[in-house]
């Protein structure tokens, strides 16, 4: 499926809200990272979020692709996932967060989270 990064002035189609810059927590309420980008199809239907995690002292930032199916709760300024921190850390990373994920990365990500 052809996905693109949603422009900053655009918003995803409902039922999803503006999630960029939201803090992301895992199923155990542990802080994981922040939503940096949203990836949508031609109808602006949200399929993936880009969760930025950082290593020790903020070094080694990584962009992890997370399918929207993994989101269990949204509230203003935060997102809770239905998976643990290790699942996100082990997820495929985006080499170029400015571009939409290709079909192979989408498939690998869905399989990683058990949605494939």
PDB file of N, CA and C in Angstrom:
ATOM      1  N   UNK A   1       0.848  -1.167   0.000  1.00  0.00           N
ATOM      2  CA  UNK A   1       0.000   0.000   0.000  1.00  0.00           C
ATOM      3  C   UNK A   1       0.900   1.238   0.000  1.00  0.00           C
ATOM      4  N   UNK A   2       0.570   2.195  -0.814  1.00  0.00           N
ATOM      5  CA  UNK A   2       1.352   3.420  -0.900  1.00  0.00           C
ATOM      6  C   UNK A   2       0.968   4.364   0.246  1.00  0.00           C
ATOM      7  N   UNK A   3       1.911   4.595   1.152  1.00  0.00           N
ATOM      8  CA  UNK A   3       1.672   5.492   2.276  1.00  0.00           C
ATOM      9  C   UNK A   3       2.611   6.680   2.183  1.00  0.00           C
ATOM     10  N   UNK A   4       2.142   7.814   2.681  1.00  0.00           N
ATOM     11  CA  UNK A   4       2.954   9.021   2.705  1.00  0.00           C
ATOM     12  C   UNK A   4       2.940   9.617   4.107  1.00  0.00           C
ATOM     13  N   UNK A   5       3.960  10.411   4.395  1.00  0.00           N
ATOM     14  CA  UNK A   5       4.006  11.131   5.668  1.00  0.00           C
ATOM     15  C   UNK A   5       3.015  12.280   5.585  1.00  0.00           C
ATOM     16  N   UNK A   6       2.167  12.388   6.572  1.00  0.00           N
ATOM     17  CA  UNK A   6       1.159  13.442   6.604  1.00  0.00           C
ATOM     18  C   UNK A   6       1.837  14.789   6.851  1.00  0.00           C
ATOM     19  N   UNK A   7       1.504  15.769   6.023  1.00  0.00           N
ATOM     20  CA  UNK A   7       2.083  17.108   6.174  1.00  0.00           C
ATOM     21  C   UNK A   7       1.654  17.713   7.507  1.00  0.00           C
ATOM     22  N   UNK A   8       2.483  18.571   8.072  1.00  0.00           N
ATOM     23  CA  UNK A   8       2.228  19.179   9.382  1.00  0.00           C
ATOM     24  C   UNK A   8       0.900  19.917   9.467  1.00  0.00           C
ATOM     25  N   UNK A   9       0.460  20.509   8.374  1.00  0.00           N
ATOM     26  CA  UNK A   9      -0.792  21.271   8.399  1.00  0.00           C
ATOM     27  C   UNK A   9      -2.023  20.393   8.165  1.00  0.00           C
ATOM     28  N   UNK A  10      -1.818  19.093   7.931  1.00  0.00           N
ATOM     29  CA  UNK A  10      -2.928  18.175   7.707  1.00  0.00           C
ATOM     30  C   UNK A  10      -3.156  17.297   8.932  1.00  0.00           C
ATOM     31  N   UNK A  11      -4.356  16.772   9.036  1.00  0.00           N
ATOM     32  CA  UNK A  11      -4.706  15.902  10.157  1.00  0.00           C
ATOM     33  C   UNK A  11      -5.251  14.595   9.615  1.00  0.00           C
ATOM     34  N   UNK A  12      -5.081  13.500  10.368  1.00  0.00           N
ATOM     35  CA  UNK A  12      -5.615  12.221   9.894  1.00  0.00           C
ATOM     36  C   UNK A  12      -7.136  12.207   9.931  1.00  0.00           C
ATOM     37  N   UNK A  13      -7.687  11.324   9.130  1.00  0.00           N
ATOM     38  CA  UNK A  13      -9.131  11.170   9.082  1.00  0.00           C
ATOM     39  C   UNK A  13      -9.615  10.532  10.388  1.00  0.00           C
ATOM     40  N   UNK A  14     -10.778  10.973  10.911  1.00  0.00           N
ATOM     41  CA  UNK A  14     -11.325  10.353  12.125  1.00  0.00           C
ATOM     42  C   UNK A  14     -11.470   8.845  11.914  1.00  0.00           C
ATOM     43  N   UNK A  15     -11.336   8.067  12.954  1.00  0.00           N
ATOM     44  CA  UNK A  15     -11.476   8.410  14.374  1.00  0.00           C
ATOM     45  C   UNK A  15     -10.193   8.898  15.027  1.00  0.00           C
ATOM     46  N   UNK A  16      -9.080   8.983  14.291  1.00  0.00           N
ATOM     47  CA  UNK A  16      -7.818   9.389  14.907  1.00  0.00           C
ATOM     48  C   UNK A  16      -7.702  10.898  14.991  1.00  0.00           C
ATOM     49  N   UNK A  17      -6.969  11.341  15.970  1.00  0.00           N
ATOM     50  CA  UNK A  17      -6.756  12.761  16.225  1.00  0.00           C
ATOM     51  C   UNK A  17      -5.316  13.107  15.886  1.00  0.00           C
ATOM     52  N   UNK A  18      -4.964  14.324  16.122  1.00  0.00           N
ATOM     53  CA  UNK A  18      -3.589  14.765  15.931  1.00  0.00           C
ATOM     54  C   UNK A  18      -2.738  14.119  17.027  1.00  0.00           C
ATOM     55  N   UNK A  19      -1.848  13.240  16.628  1.00  0.00           N
ATOM     56  CA  UNK A  19      -1.039  12.499  17.592  1.00  0.00           C
ATOM     57  C   UNK A  19       0.412  12.962  17.648  1.00  0.00           C
ATOM     58  N   UNK A  20       0.822  13.767  16.677  1.00  0.00           N
ATOM     59  CA  UNK A  20       2.223  14.188  16.649  1.00  0.00           C
ATOM     60  C   UNK A  20       2.570  14.937  17.924  1.00  0.00           C
ATOM     61  N   UNK A  21       3.759  14.676  18.421  1.00  0.00           N
ATOM     62  CA  UNK A  21       4.325  15.242  19.648  1.00  0.00           C
ATOM     63  C   UNK A  21       3.683  14.682  20.914  1.00  0.00           C
ATOM     64  N   UNK A  22       2.823  13.678  20.758  1.00  0.00           N
ATOM     65  CA  UNK A  22       2.251  13.014  21.928  1.00  0.00           C
ATOM     66  C   UNK A  22       3.304  12.103  22.554  1.00  0.00           C
ATOM     67  N   UNK A  23       3.266  12.005  23.858  1.00  0.00           N
ATOM     68  CA  UNK A  23       4.137  11.078  24.574  1.00  0.00           C
ATOM     69  C   UNK A  23       3.539   9.685  24.435  1.00  0.00           C
ATOM     70  N   UNK A  24       4.391   8.697  24.227  1.00  0.00           N
ATOM     71  CA  UNK A  24       3.944   7.324  24.013  1.00  0.00           C
ATOM     72  C   UNK A  24       4.339   6.472  25.214  1.00  0.00           C
ATOM     73  N   UNK A  25       3.351   5.712  25.720  1.00  0.00           N
ATOM     74  CA  UNK A  25       3.562   4.827  26.863  1.00  0.00           C
ATOM     75  C   UNK A  25       3.228   3.400  26.449  1.00  0.00           C
ATOM     76  N   UNK A  26       3.916   2.433  27.060  1.00  0.00           N
ATOM     77  CA  UNK A  26       3.632   1.036  26.745  1.00  0.00           C
ATOM     78  C   UNK A  26       2.489   0.519  27.608  1.00  0.00           C
ATOM     79  N   UNK A  27       2.196  -0.759  27.486  1.00  0.00           N
ATOM     80  CA  UNK A  27       1.070  -1.356  28.205  1.00  0.00           C
ATOM     81  C   UNK A  27       1.247  -1.332  29.717  1.00  0.00           C
ATOM     82  N   UNK A  28       2.473  -1.141  30.181  1.00  0.00           N
ATOM     83  CA  UNK A  28       2.746  -1.050  31.615  1.00  0.00           C
ATOM     84  C   UNK A  28       2.938   0.377  32.087  1.00  0.00           C
ATOM     85  N   UNK A  29       2.506   1.350  31.292  1.00  0.00           N
ATOM     86  CA  UNK A  29       2.609   2.789  31.594  1.00  0.00           C
ATOM     87  C   UNK A  29       4.036   3.302  31.634  1.00  0.00           C
ATOM     88  N   UNK A  30       4.949   2.609  30.994  1.00  0.00           N
ATOM     89  CA  UNK A  30       6.352   3.035  30.907  1.00  0.00           C
ATOM     90  C   UNK A  30       6.525   3.926  29.674  1.00  0.00           C
ATOM     91  N   UNK A  31       7.211   5.057  29.855  1.00  0.00           N
ATOM     92  CA  UNK A  31       7.454   5.983  28.749  1.00  0.00           C
ATOM     93  C   UNK A  31       8.334   5.312  27.699  1.00  0.00           C
ATOM     94  N   UNK A  32       7.897   5.399  26.429  1.00  0.00           N
ATOM     95  CA  UNK A  32       8.623   4.792  25.318  1.00  0.00           C
ATOM     96  C   UNK A  32       9.315   5.844  24.465  1.00  0.00           C
ATOM     97  N   UNK A  33       8.596   6.906  24.111  1.00  0.00           N
ATOM     98  CA  UNK A  33       9.130   7.936  23.228  1.00  0.00           C
ATOM     99  C   UNK A  33       8.028   8.909  22.858  1.00  0.00           C
ATOM    100  N   UNK A  34       8.181   9.552  21.705  1.00  0.00           N
ATOM    101  CA  UNK A  34       7.215  10.546  21.248  1.00  0.00           C
ATOM    102  C   UNK A  34       6.839  10.283  19.792  1.00  0.00           C
ATOM    103  N   UNK A  35       5.602  10.616  19.442  1.00  0.00           N
ATOM    104  CA  UNK A  35       5.154  10.482  18.054  1.00  0.00           C
ATOM    105  C   UNK A  35       5.736  11.635  17.249  1.00  0.00           C
ATOM    106  N   UNK A  36       6.461  11.296  16.192  1.00  0.00           N
ATOM    107  CA  UNK A  36       7.071  12.317  15.344  1.00  0.00           C
ATOM    108  C   UNK A  36       6.313  12.510  14.038  1.00  0.00           C
ATOM    109  N   UNK A  37       5.859  11.414  13.430  1.00  0.00           N
ATOM    110  CA  UNK A  37       5.217  11.482  12.122  1.00  0.00           C
ATOM    111  C   UNK A  37       4.031  10.535  12.058  1.00  0.00           C
ATOM    112  N   UNK A  38       3.133  10.834  11.131  1.00  0.00           N
ATOM    113  CA  UNK A  38       1.972   9.997  10.869  1.00  0.00           C
ATOM    114  C   UNK A  38       2.025   9.578   9.408  1.00  0.00           C
ATOM    115  N   UNK A  39       1.715   8.315   9.133  1.00  0.00           N
ATOM    116  CA  UNK A  39       1.747   7.800   7.762  1.00  0.00           C
ATOM    117  C   UNK A  39       0.345   7.367   7.359  1.00  0.00           C
ATOM    118  N   UNK A  40      -0.129   7.940   6.278  1.00  0.00           N
ATOM    119  CA  UNK A  40      -1.507   7.770   5.832  1.00  0.00           C
ATOM    120  C   UNK A  40      -1.555   7.316   4.376  1.00  0.00           C
ATOM    121  N   UNK A  41      -2.752   6.834   3.974  1.00  0.00           N
ATOM    122  CA  UNK A  41      -2.972   6.500   2.571  1.00  0.00           C
ATOM    123  C   UNK A  41      -3.561   7.713   1.855  1.00  0.00           C
ATOM    124  N   UNK A  42      -4.010   7.524   0.626  1.00  0.00           N
ATOM    125  CA  UNK A  42      -4.534   8.632  -0.182  1.00  0.00           C
ATOM    126  C   UNK A  42      -5.766   9.297   0.427  1.00  0.00           C
ATOM    127  N   UNK A  43      -6.517   8.569   1.251  1.00  0.00           N
ATOM    128  CA  UNK A  43      -7.719   9.117   1.900  1.00  0.00           C
ATOM    129  C   UNK A  43      -7.430   9.717   3.275  1.00  0.00           C
ATOM    130  N   UNK A  44      -6.154   9.828   3.633  1.00  0.00           N
ATOM    131  CA  UNK A  44      -5.700  10.321   4.942  1.00  0.00           C
ATOM    132  C   UNK A  44      -6.114   9.390   6.090  1.00  0.00           C
ATOM    133  N   UNK A  45      -6.301   8.106   5.771  1.00  0.00           N
ATOM    134  CA  UNK A  45      -6.559   7.108   6.805  1.00  0.00           C
ATOM    135  C   UNK A  45      -5.223   6.739   7.429  1.00  0.00           C
ATOM    136  N   UNK A  46      -5.132   6.863   8.731  1.00  0.00           N
ATOM    137  CA  UNK A  46      -3.892   6.605   9.457  1.00  0.00           C
ATOM    138  C   UNK A  46      -3.609   5.109   9.526  1.00  0.00           C
ATOM    139  N   UNK A  47      -2.368   4.725   9.185  1.00  0.00           N
ATOM    140  CA  UNK A  47      -1.963   3.324   9.235  1.00  0.00           C
ATOM    141  C   UNK A  47      -0.809   3.088  10.205  1.00  0.00           C
ATOM    142  N   UNK A  48       0.135   4.029  10.270  1.00  0.00           N
ATOM    143  CA  UNK A  48       1.296   3.875  11.141  1.00  0.00           C
ATOM    144  C   UNK A  48       1.657   5.209  11.789  1.00  0.00           C
ATOM    145  N   UNK A  49       2.268   5.119  12.971  1.00  0.00           N
ATOM    146  CA  UNK A  49       2.877   6.290  13.597  1.00  0.00           C
ATOM    147  C   UNK A  49       4.369   6.023  13.724  1.00  0.00           C
ATOM    148  N   UNK A  50       5.139   7.069  13.735  1.00  0.00           N
ATOM    149  CA  UNK A  50       6.591   7.027  13.893  1.00  0.00           C
ATOM    150  C   UNK A  50       6.881   7.418  15.336  1.00  0.00           C
ATOM    151  N   UNK A  51       7.349   6.455  16.133  1.00  0.00           N
ATOM    152  CA  UNK A  51       7.673   6.713  17.534  1.00  0.00           C
ATOM    153  C   UNK A  51       9.182   6.860  17.652  1.00  0.00           C
ATOM    154  N   UNK A  52       9.613   8.039  18.106  1.00  0.00           N
ATOM    155  CA  UNK A  52      11.034   8.310  18.258  1.00  0.00           C
ATOM    156  C   UNK A  52      11.451   7.938  19.674  1.00  0.00           C
ATOM    157  N   UNK A  53      12.426   7.059  19.752  1.00  0.00           N
ATOM    158  CA  UNK A  53      12.989   6.662  21.042  1.00  0.00           C
ATOM    159  C   UNK A  53      14.427   7.164  21.095  1.00  0.00           C
ATOM    160  N   UNK A  54      14.914   7.381  22.277  1.00  0.00           N
ATOM    161  CA  UNK A  54      16.305   7.819  22.395  1.00  0.00           C
ATOM    162  C   UNK A  54      17.043   6.905  23.351  1.00  0.00           C
ATOM    163  N   UNK A  55      18.305   6.747  23.059  1.00  0.00           N
ATOM    164  CA  UNK A  55      19.150   5.912  23.892  1.00  0.00           C
ATOM    165  C   UNK A  55      19.606   6.652  25.138  1.00  0.00           C
ATOM    166  N   UNK A  56      20.667   6.187  25.721  1.00  0.00           N
ATOM    167  CA  UNK A  56      21.221   6.748  26.946  1.00  0.00           C
ATOM    168  C   UNK A  56      21.533   8.232  26.760  1.00  0.00           C
ATOM    169  N   UNK A  57      21.037   9.068  27.658  1.00  0.00           N
ATOM    170  CA  UNK A  57      21.240  10.517  27.651  1.00  0.00           C
ATOM    171  C   UNK A  57      20.761  11.182  26.352  1.00  0.00           C
ATOM    172  N   UNK A  58      19.771  10.578  25.721  1.00  0.00           N
ATOM    173  CA  UNK A  58      19.214  11.169  24.512  1.00  0.00           C
ATOM    174  C   UNK A  58      20.008  10.896  23.257  1.00  0.00           C
ATOM    175  N   UNK A  59      21.037  10.090  23.360  1.00  0.00           N
ATOM    176  CA  UNK A  59      21.860   9.766  22.193  1.00  0.00           C
ATOM    177  C   UNK A  59      21.301   8.541  21.483  1.00  0.00           C
ATOM    178  N   UNK A  60      21.512   8.468  20.197  1.00  0.00           N
ATOM    179  CA  UNK A  60      21.089   7.306  19.434  1.00  0.00           C
ATOM    180  C   UNK A  60      19.602   7.253  19.172  1.00  0.00           C
ATOM    181  N   UNK A  61      19.019   8.365  18.764  1.00  0.00           N
ATOM    182  CA  UNK A  61      17.585   8.394  18.466  1.00  0.00           C
ATOM    183  C   UNK A  61      17.259   7.414  17.347  1.00  0.00           C
ATOM    184  N   UNK A  62      16.116   6.726  17.520  1.00  0.00           N
ATOM    185  CA  UNK A  62      15.633   5.794  16.507  1.00  0.00           C
ATOM    186  C   UNK A  62      14.173   6.090  16.221  1.00  0.00           C
ATOM    187  N   UNK A  63      13.797   5.898  14.974  1.00  0.00           N
ATOM    188  CA  UNK A  63      12.419   6.078  14.537  1.00  0.00           C
ATOM    189  C   UNK A  63      11.810   4.689  14.326  1.00  0.00           C
ATOM    190  N   UNK A  64      10.852   4.315  15.178  1.00  0.00           N
ATOM    191  CA  UNK A  64      10.203   3.008  15.094  1.00  0.00           C
ATOM    192  C   UNK A  64       8.811   3.151  14.506  1.00  0.00           C
ATOM    193  N   UNK A  65       8.501   2.300  13.553  1.00  0.00           N
ATOM    194  CA  UNK A  65       7.189   2.280  12.935  1.00  0.00           C
ATOM    195  C   UNK A  65       6.252   1.456  13.819  1.00  0.00           C
ATOM    196  N   UNK A  66       5.088   2.033  14.150  1.00  0.00           N
ATOM    197  CA  UNK A  66       4.104   1.351  15.000  1.00  0.00           C
ATOM    198  C   UNK A  66       2.756   1.378  14.285  1.00  0.00           C
ATOM    199  N   UNK A  67       2.131   0.196  14.068  1.00  0.00           N
ATOM    200  CA  UNK A  67       0.811   0.191  13.428  1.00  0.00           C
ATOM    201  C   UNK A  67      -0.250   0.760  14.356  1.00  0.00           C
ATOM    202  N   UNK A  68      -1.255   1.418  13.801  1.00  0.00           N
ATOM    203  CA  UNK A  68      -2.296   2.024  14.629  1.00  0.00           C
ATOM    204  C   UNK A  68      -3.051   0.984  15.445  1.00  0.00           C
ATOM    205  N   UNK A  69      -3.075  -0.260  14.999  1.00  0.00           N
ATOM    206  CA  UNK A  69      -3.747  -1.312  15.756  1.00  0.00           C
ATOM    207  C   UNK A  69      -3.133  -1.512  17.138  1.00  0.00           C
ATOM    208  N   UNK A  70      -1.876  -1.094  17.303  1.00  0.00           N
ATOM    209  CA  UNK A  70      -1.198  -1.249  18.595  1.00  0.00           C
ATOM    210  C   UNK A  70      -1.605  -0.165  19.594  1.00  0.00           C
ATOM    211  N   UNK A  71      -2.299   0.874  19.128  1.00  0.00           N
ATOM    212  CA  UNK A  71      -2.734   1.947  20.023  1.00  0.00           C
ATOM    213  C   UNK A  71      -3.960   1.481  20.789  1.00  0.00           C
ATOM    214  N   UNK A  72      -3.859   1.461  22.120  1.00  0.00           N
ATOM    215  CA  UNK A  72      -4.992   1.008  22.934  1.00  0.00           C
ATOM    216  C   UNK A  72      -5.768   2.169  23.539  1.00  0.00           C
ATOM    217  N   UNK A  73      -5.114   3.343  23.658  1.00  0.00           N
ATOM    218  CA  UNK A  73      -5.799   4.486  24.252  1.00  0.00           C
ATOM    219  C   UNK A  73      -5.137   5.782  23.797  1.00  0.00           C
ATOM    220  N   UNK A  74      -5.964   6.794  23.589  1.00  0.00           N
ATOM    221  CA  UNK A  74      -5.485   8.139  23.254  1.00  0.00           C
ATOM    222  C   UNK A  74      -6.079   9.110  24.251  1.00  0.00           C
ATOM    223  N   UNK A  75      -5.263  10.020  24.703  1.00  0.00           N
ATOM    224  CA  UNK A  75      -5.774  11.129  25.503  1.00  0.00           C
ATOM    225  C   UNK A  75      -4.963  12.348  25.086  1.00  0.00           C
ATOM    226  N   UNK A  76      -5.421  13.553  25.408  1.00  0.00           N
ATOM    227  CA  UNK A  76      -4.680  14.737  24.967  1.00  0.00           C
ATOM    228  C   UNK A  76      -3.213  14.679  25.403  1.00  0.00           C
ATOM    229  N   UNK A  77      -2.327  14.671  24.429  1.00  0.00           N
ATOM    230  CA  UNK A  77      -0.896  14.693  24.697  1.00  0.00           C
ATOM    231  C   UNK A  77      -0.249  13.356  24.965  1.00  0.00           C
ATOM    232  N   UNK A  78      -1.024  12.263  24.950  1.00  0.00           N
ATOM    233  CA  UNK A  78      -0.405  10.959  25.180  1.00  0.00           C
ATOM    234  C   UNK A  78      -1.139   9.847  24.434  1.00  0.00           C
ATOM    235  N   UNK A  79      -0.373   8.799  24.171  1.00  0.00           N
ATOM    236  CA  UNK A  79      -0.868   7.606  23.499  1.00  0.00           C
ATOM    237  C   UNK A  79      -0.385   6.419  24.318  1.00  0.00           C
ATOM    238  N   UNK A  80      -1.266   5.452  24.549  1.00  0.00           N
ATOM    239  CA  UNK A  80      -0.878   4.223  25.225  1.00  0.00           C
ATOM    240  C   UNK A  80      -0.983   3.081  24.231  1.00  0.00           C
ATOM    241  N   UNK A  81       0.051   2.261  24.211  1.00  0.00           N
ATOM    242  CA  UNK A  81       0.084   1.115  23.313  1.00  0.00           C
ATOM    243  C   UNK A  81      -0.315  -0.150  24.063  1.00  0.00           C
ATOM    244  N   UNK A  82      -0.804  -1.108  23.349  1.00  0.00           N
ATOM    245  CA  UNK A  82      -1.169  -2.385  23.933  1.00  0.00           C
ATOM    246  C   UNK A  82      -0.024  -3.378  23.919  1.00  0.00           C
ATOM    247  N   UNK A  83       1.202  -2.893  23.789  1.00  0.00           N
ATOM    248  CA  UNK A  83       2.402  -3.739  23.764  1.00  0.00           C
ATOM    249  C   UNK A  83       3.418  -3.174  24.745  1.00  0.00           C
ATOM    250  N   UNK A  84       4.440  -3.980  25.062  1.00  0.00           N
ATOM    251  CA  UNK A  84       5.447  -3.515  26.011  1.00  0.00           C
ATOM    252  C   UNK A  84       6.573  -2.741  25.313  1.00  0.00           C
ATOM    253  N   UNK A  85       7.399  -2.126  26.134  1.00  0.00           N
ATOM    254  CA  UNK A  85       8.513  -1.290  25.666  1.00  0.00           C
ATOM    255  C   UNK A  85       9.444  -2.071  24.737  1.00  0.00           C
ATOM    256  N   UNK A  86       9.749  -3.309  25.092  1.00  0.00           N
ATOM    257  CA  UNK A  86      10.662  -4.129  24.296  1.00  0.00           C
ATOM    258  C   UNK A  86      10.145  -4.402  22.901  1.00  0.00           C
ATOM    259  N   UNK A  87       8.836  -4.531  22.762  1.00  0.00           N
ATOM    260  CA  UNK A  87       8.247  -4.759  21.441  1.00  0.00           C
ATOM    261  C   UNK A  87       8.496  -3.555  20.540  1.00  0.00           C
ATOM    262  N   UNK A  88       8.328  -2.358  21.075  1.00  0.00           N
ATOM    263  CA  UNK A  88       8.572  -1.150  20.284  1.00  0.00           C
ATOM    264  C   UNK A  88      10.061  -1.037  19.956  1.00  0.00           C
ATOM    265  N   UNK A  89      10.918  -1.248  20.958  1.00  0.00           N
ATOM    266  CA  UNK A  89      12.365  -1.146  20.730  1.00  0.00           C
ATOM    267  C   UNK A  89      12.850  -2.162  19.698  1.00  0.00           C
ATOM    268  N   UNK A  90      12.180  -3.306  19.620  1.00  0.00           N
ATOM    269  CA  UNK A  90      12.570  -4.345  18.673  1.00  0.00           C
ATOM    270  C   UNK A  90      11.917  -4.206  17.313  1.00  0.00           C
ATOM    271  N   UNK A  91      11.044  -3.215  17.166  1.00  0.00           N
ATOM    272  CA  UNK A  91      10.335  -3.014  15.899  1.00  0.00           C
ATOM    273  C   UNK A  91      11.272  -2.490  14.818  1.00  0.00           C
ATOM    274  N   UNK A  92      10.916  -2.739  13.567  1.00  0.00           N
ATOM    275  CA  UNK A  92      11.715  -2.187  12.469  1.00  0.00           C
ATOM    276  C   UNK A  92      11.824  -0.660  12.590  1.00  0.00           C
ATOM    277  N   UNK A  93      12.968  -0.138  12.168  1.00  0.00           N
ATOM    278  CA  UNK A  93      13.182   1.304  12.223  1.00  0.00           C
ATOM    279  C   UNK A  93      13.052   1.910  10.831  1.00  0.00           C
ATOM    280  N   UNK A  94      12.751   3.188  10.837  1.00  0.00           N
ATOM    281  CA  UNK A  94      12.647   3.947   9.590  1.00  0.00           C
ATOM    282  C   UNK A  94      13.996   4.577   9.294  1.00  0.00           C
ATOM    283  N   UNK A  95      14.544   4.282   8.139  1.00  0.00           N
ATOM    284  CA  UNK A  95      15.817   4.902   7.781  1.00  0.00           C
ATOM    285  C   UNK A  95      15.617   6.337   7.318  1.00  0.00           C
ATOM    286  N   UNK A  96      14.449   6.608   6.722  1.00  0.00           N
ATOM    287  CA  UNK A  96      14.132   7.961   6.265  1.00  0.00           C
ATOM    288  C   UNK A  96      12.711   8.310   6.705  1.00  0.00           C
ATOM    289  N   UNK A  97      12.543   8.913   7.894  1.00  0.00           N
ATOM    290  CA  UNK A  97      11.208   9.213   8.395  1.00  0.00           C
ATOM    291  C   UNK A  97      10.436  10.225   7.544  1.00  0.00           C
ATOM    292  N   UNK A  98      11.115  10.924   6.649  1.00  0.00           N
ATOM    293  CA  UNK A  98      10.443  11.904   5.795  1.00  0.00           C
ATOM    294  C   UNK A  98       9.669  11.231   4.663  1.00  0.00           C
ATOM    295  N   UNK A  99      10.030  10.006   4.343  1.00  0.00           N
ATOM    296  CA  UNK A  99       9.359   9.257   3.276  1.00  0.00           C
ATOM    297  C   UNK A  99       8.414   8.236   3.895  1.00  0.00           C
ATOM    298  N   UNK A 100       7.400   7.861   3.168  1.00  0.00           N
ATOM    299  CA  UNK A 100       6.486   6.832   3.645  1.00  0.00           C
ATOM    300  C   UNK A 100       7.168   5.474   3.634  1.00  0.00           C
ATOM    301  N   UNK A 101       6.762   4.581   4.543  1.00  0.00           N
ATOM    302  CA  UNK A 101       7.365   3.247   4.578  1.00  0.00           C
ATOM    303  C   UNK A 101       6.981   2.429   3.348  1.00  0.00           C
ATOM    304  N   UNK A 102       7.957   1.715   2.790  1.00  0.00           N
ATOM    305  CA  UNK A 102       7.666   0.895   1.614  1.00  0.00           C
ATOM    306  C   UNK A 102       6.886  -0.355   2.030  1.00  0.00           C
ATOM    307  N   UNK A 103       6.413  -1.094   1.044  1.00  0.00           N
ATOM    308  CA  UNK A 103       5.571  -2.268   1.304  1.00  0.00           C
ATOM    309  C   UNK A 103       6.274  -3.304   2.182  1.00  0.00           C
ATOM    310  N   UNK A 104       7.551  -3.528   1.954  1.00  0.00           N
ATOM    311  CA  UNK A 104       8.287  -4.537   2.729  1.00  0.00           C
ATOM    312  C   UNK A 104       8.384  -4.126   4.202  1.00  0.00           C
ATOM    313  N   UNK A 105       8.661  -2.857   4.466  1.00  0.00           N
ATOM    314  CA  UNK A 105       8.740  -2.386   5.852  1.00  0.00           C
ATOM    315  C   UNK A 105       7.372  -2.452   6.521  1.00  0.00           C
ATOM    316  N   UNK A 106       6.323  -2.113   5.797  1.00  0.00           N
ATOM    317  CA  UNK A 106       4.967  -2.221   6.352  1.00  0.00           C
ATOM    318  C   UNK A 106       4.660  -3.664   6.739  1.00  0.00           C
ATOM    319  N   UNK A 107       4.987  -4.604   5.845  1.00  0.00           N
ATOM    320  CA  UNK A 107       4.732  -6.013   6.107  1.00  0.00           C
ATOM    321  C   UNK A 107       5.531  -6.507   7.307  1.00  0.00           C
ATOM    322  N   UNK A 108       6.825  -6.178   7.338  1.00  0.00           N
ATOM    323  CA  UNK A 108       7.689  -6.611   8.441  1.00  0.00           C
ATOM    324  C   UNK A 108       7.207  -6.042   9.774  1.00  0.00           C
ATOM    325  N   UNK A 109       6.761  -4.804   9.765  1.00  0.00           N
ATOM    326  CA  UNK A 109       6.266  -4.171  10.995  1.00  0.00           C
ATOM    327  C   UNK A 109       4.998  -4.846  11.477  1.00  0.00           C
ATOM    328  N   UNK A 110       4.064  -5.076  10.578  1.00  0.00           N
ATOM    329  CA  UNK A 110       2.819  -5.746  10.956  1.00  0.00           C
ATOM    330  C   UNK A 110       3.093  -7.145  11.518  1.00  0.00           C
ATOM    331  N   UNK A 111       4.003  -7.864  10.896  1.00  0.00           N
ATOM    332  CA  UNK A 111       4.362  -9.196  11.395  1.00  0.00           C
ATOM    333  C   UNK A 111       5.003  -9.107  12.777  1.00  0.00           C
ATOM    334  N   UNK A 112       5.876  -8.130  12.968  1.00  0.00           N
ATOM    335  CA  UNK A 112       6.543  -7.946  14.268  1.00  0.00           C
ATOM    336  C   UNK A 112       5.524  -7.757  15.386  1.00  0.00           C
ATOM    337  N   UNK A 113       4.494  -6.981  15.122  1.00  0.00           N
ATOM    338  CA  UNK A 113       3.468  -6.702  16.135  1.00  0.00           C
ATOM    339  C   UNK A 113       2.370  -7.760  16.175  1.00  0.00           C
ATOM    340  N   UNK A 114       2.424  -8.735  15.261  1.00  0.00           N
ATOM    341  CA  UNK A 114       1.435  -9.817  15.244  1.00  0.00           C
ATOM    342  C   UNK A 114       0.167  -9.485  14.497  1.00  0.00           C
ATOM    343  N   UNK A 115       0.222  -8.494  13.603  1.00  0.00           N
ATOM    344  CA  UNK A 115      -0.954  -8.119  12.816  1.00  0.00           C
ATOM    345  C   UNK A 115      -0.824  -8.552  11.356  1.00  0.00           C
ATOM    346  N   UNK A 116       0.163  -9.371  11.040  1.00  0.00           N
ATOM    347  CA  UNK A 116       0.409  -9.713   9.646  1.00  0.00           C
ATOM    348  C   UNK A 116      -0.069 -10.995   9.191  1.00  0.00           C
TER     349      UNK A 116
END
